Amino acid sequence: MRIYLAAPMKGVRAALDTVRAIYAALREIGCEVLTPHVVDEVLDVERGLTPEEVYERDVKLLEEADALVAEVSYPSLGVGFEIAYALLKGKRVIALCLESRLAETSALIRGIRSPNFKLVNYSGIEDAIGKLIDELRCS
């Protein structure tokens, strides 16, 4: 399964350790993660990519993905765009949210009722990974 892993890049990156653990777990269970740049310390624009190049790359990767996994505990315009794009393309979307951050998470995201969307609350890194693997059942 080809996974587009989405997480805040320019905003609050407080969930970066969780995102890195999710990235590693997805690879370990045999998924191809199309977005390894989400776990990098250095942002794409700091490496010289233009916003247009970032957009073109990310839309291409969204098109190639079988599913999108998004960490949504902290607000991100980019992640919101990626979720909407994936849903409009009929892709499966699993959004992971730290239980303690649920009330601060966008009501729009929490209110999605698409059959292709699942919001999964987690209490910590291991809980997030376990619940995600249960949802995906990748091999």
Protein backbone atom coordinates (compact mmCIF):
# COMPACT_ATOMS: atom_id res chain seq x y z
CA MET A 1 0.00 0.00 0.00
CA ARG A 2 1.29 3.45 -0.91
CA ILE A 3 0.75 5.95 1.89
CA TYR A 4 0.88 9.73 1.76
CA LEU A 5 1.90 10.67 5.32
CA ALA A 6 0.83 14.24 6.14
CA ALA A 7 1.92 16.36 9.10
CA PRO A 8 2.44 20.06 9.83
CA MET A 9 5.62 21.39 8.25
CA LYS A 10 5.65 25.17 8.83
CA GLY A 11 3.51 25.35 11.95
CA VAL A 12 3.79 23.60 15.29
CA ARG A 13 5.82 20.43 14.87
CA ALA A 14 5.19 19.14 18.40
CA ALA A 15 4.01 15.78 17.04
CA LEU A 16 7.18 15.20 15.02
CA ASP A 17 8.37 12.31 17.23
CA THR A 18 4.99 10.62 16.75
CA VAL A 19 5.11 11.23 12.99
CA ARG A 20 8.61 9.71 12.84
CA ALA A 21 7.42 6.65 14.75
CA ILE A 22 4.40 6.30 12.44
CA TYR A 23 6.67 6.60 9.39
CA ALA A 24 8.93 3.83 10.73
CA ALA A 25 5.97 1.59 11.65
CA LEU A 26 4.36 1.99 8.22
CA ARG A 27 7.58 0.99 6.51
CA GLU A 28 8.05 -1.92 8.91
CA ILE A 29 4.65 -3.39 7.99
CA GLY A 30 5.39 -3.12 4.28
CA CYS A 31 3.78 0.15 3.28
CA GLU A 32 5.55 2.48 0.87
CA VAL A 33 5.58 5.95 2.41
CA LEU A 34 5.62 8.50 -0.41
CA THR A 35 6.46 11.50 1.78
CA PRO A 36 9.70 10.87 3.69
CA HIS A 37 10.31 14.63 3.76
CA VAL A 38 7.68 15.03 6.52
CA VAL A 39 10.10 13.57 9.07
CA ASP A 40 13.05 15.79 8.08
CA GLU A 41 14.31 18.57 10.33
CA VAL A 42 15.04 20.84 7.36
CA LEU A 43 12.01 22.07 5.42
CA ASP A 44 11.77 21.81 1.65
CA VAL A 45 11.84 25.57 1.16
CA GLU A 46 14.99 25.76 3.29
CA ARG A 47 16.56 23.27 0.86
CA GLY A 48 15.70 25.53 -2.05
CA LEU A 49 12.37 24.19 -3.31
CA THR A 50 9.91 26.86 -4.43
CA PRO A 51 6.33 26.81 -3.16
CA GLU A 52 5.28 25.84 -6.69
CA GLU A 53 7.63 22.85 -6.66
CA VAL A 54 6.33 21.75 -3.26
CA TYR A 55 2.73 21.99 -4.51
CA GLU A 56 3.43 20.10 -7.74
CA ARG A 57 5.34 17.34 -5.94
CA ASP A 58 2.73 16.93 -3.22
CA VAL A 59 -0.24 16.83 -5.60
CA LYS A 60 1.58 14.25 -7.75
CA LEU A 61 2.23 12.14 -4.64
CA LEU A 62 -1.39 12.49 -3.50
CA GLU A 63 -2.48 11.19 -6.90
CA GLU A 64 -0.15 8.18 -6.56
CA ALA A 65 -1.18 7.31 -3.00
CA ASP A 66 -3.61 4.58 -2.08
CA ALA A 67 -4.40 6.29 1.22
CA LEU A 68 -3.51 9.35 3.27
CA VAL A 69 -2.50 9.18 6.93
CA ALA A 70 -2.50 12.59 8.61
CA GLU A 71 -1.41 13.73 12.05
CA VAL A 72 -3.93 16.47 12.89
CA SER A 73 -3.25 17.30 16.54
CA TYR A 74 -1.90 20.74 15.61
CA PRO A 75 -3.41 23.07 12.98
CA SER A 76 -1.95 23.07 9.48
CA LEU A 77 -3.40 24.63 6.35
CA GLY A 78 -1.34 22.23 4.24
CA VAL A 79 -2.61 19.11 6.01
CA GLY A 80 -6.18 20.38 5.71
CA PHE A 81 -5.66 20.86 1.98
CA GLU A 82 -4.17 17.38 1.65
CA ILE A 83 -7.09 15.78 3.48
CA ALA A 84 -9.65 17.60 1.32
CA TYR A 85 -7.79 16.75 -1.87
CA ALA A 86 -7.51 13.07 -0.98
CA LEU A 87 -11.20 12.83 -0.04
CA LEU A 88 -12.27 14.58 -3.25
CA LYS A 89 -10.21 12.02 -5.16
CA GLY A 90 -11.99 9.18 -3.36
CA LYS A 91 -8.95 8.13 -1.34
CA ARG A 92 -9.05 6.66 2.14
CA VAL A 93 -8.00 9.11 4.86
CA ILE A 94 -7.02 8.24 8.43
CA ALA A 95 -6.48 11.25 10.67
CA LEU A 96 -4.67 10.72 13.96
CA CYS A 97 -5.27 13.13 16.84
CA LEU A 98 -3.77 13.16 20.31
CA GLU A 99 -6.65 12.77 22.76
CA SER A 100 -5.53 15.79 24.80
CA ARG A 101 -5.66 17.97 21.63
CA LEU A 102 -9.04 16.85 20.30
CA ALA A 103 -10.93 19.93 21.58
CA GLU A 104 -8.40 22.21 19.84
CA THR A 105 -8.57 20.30 16.55
CA SER A 106 -10.54 21.86 13.72
CA ALA A 107 -14.29 21.29 14.03
CA LEU A 108 -14.35 20.96 10.25
CA ILE A 109 -11.95 17.99 10.41
CA ARG A 110 -13.75 16.48 13.41
CA GLY A 111 -17.05 16.82 11.58
CA ILE A 112 -16.12 14.93 8.40
CA ARG A 113 -18.61 12.12 7.83
CA SER A 114 -17.27 10.72 4.57
CA PRO A 115 -17.19 6.92 4.45
CA ASN A 116 -13.53 7.24 3.36
CA PHE A 117 -12.55 9.22 6.49
CA LYS A 118 -11.69 7.97 9.95
CA LEU A 119 -10.58 10.15 12.87
CA VAL A 120 -8.54 8.10 15.33
CA ASN A 121 -7.76 9.46 18.79
CA TYR A 122 -4.62 8.26 20.51
CA SER A 123 -3.03 8.65 23.94
CA GLY A 124 0.64 8.23 22.98
CA ILE A 125 3.00 7.03 20.29
CA GLU A 126 2.48 3.30 20.80
CA ASP A 127 -1.29 3.75 20.94
CA ALA A 128 -1.21 5.75 17.68
CA ILE A 129 0.81 3.08 15.91
CA GLY A 130 -1.35 0.22 17.18
CA LYS A 131 -4.60 1.91 16.19
CA LEU A 132 -3.23 2.93 12.80
CA ILE A 133 -2.06 -0.60 12.00
CA ASP A 134 -5.47 -1.92 13.04
CA GLU A 135 -7.10 0.55 10.62
CA LEU A 136 -4.78 -0.12 7.70
CA ARG A 137 -4.08 -3.82 7.88
CA CYS A 138 -1.21 -3.31 5.41
CA SER A 139 0.97 -6.18 4.30
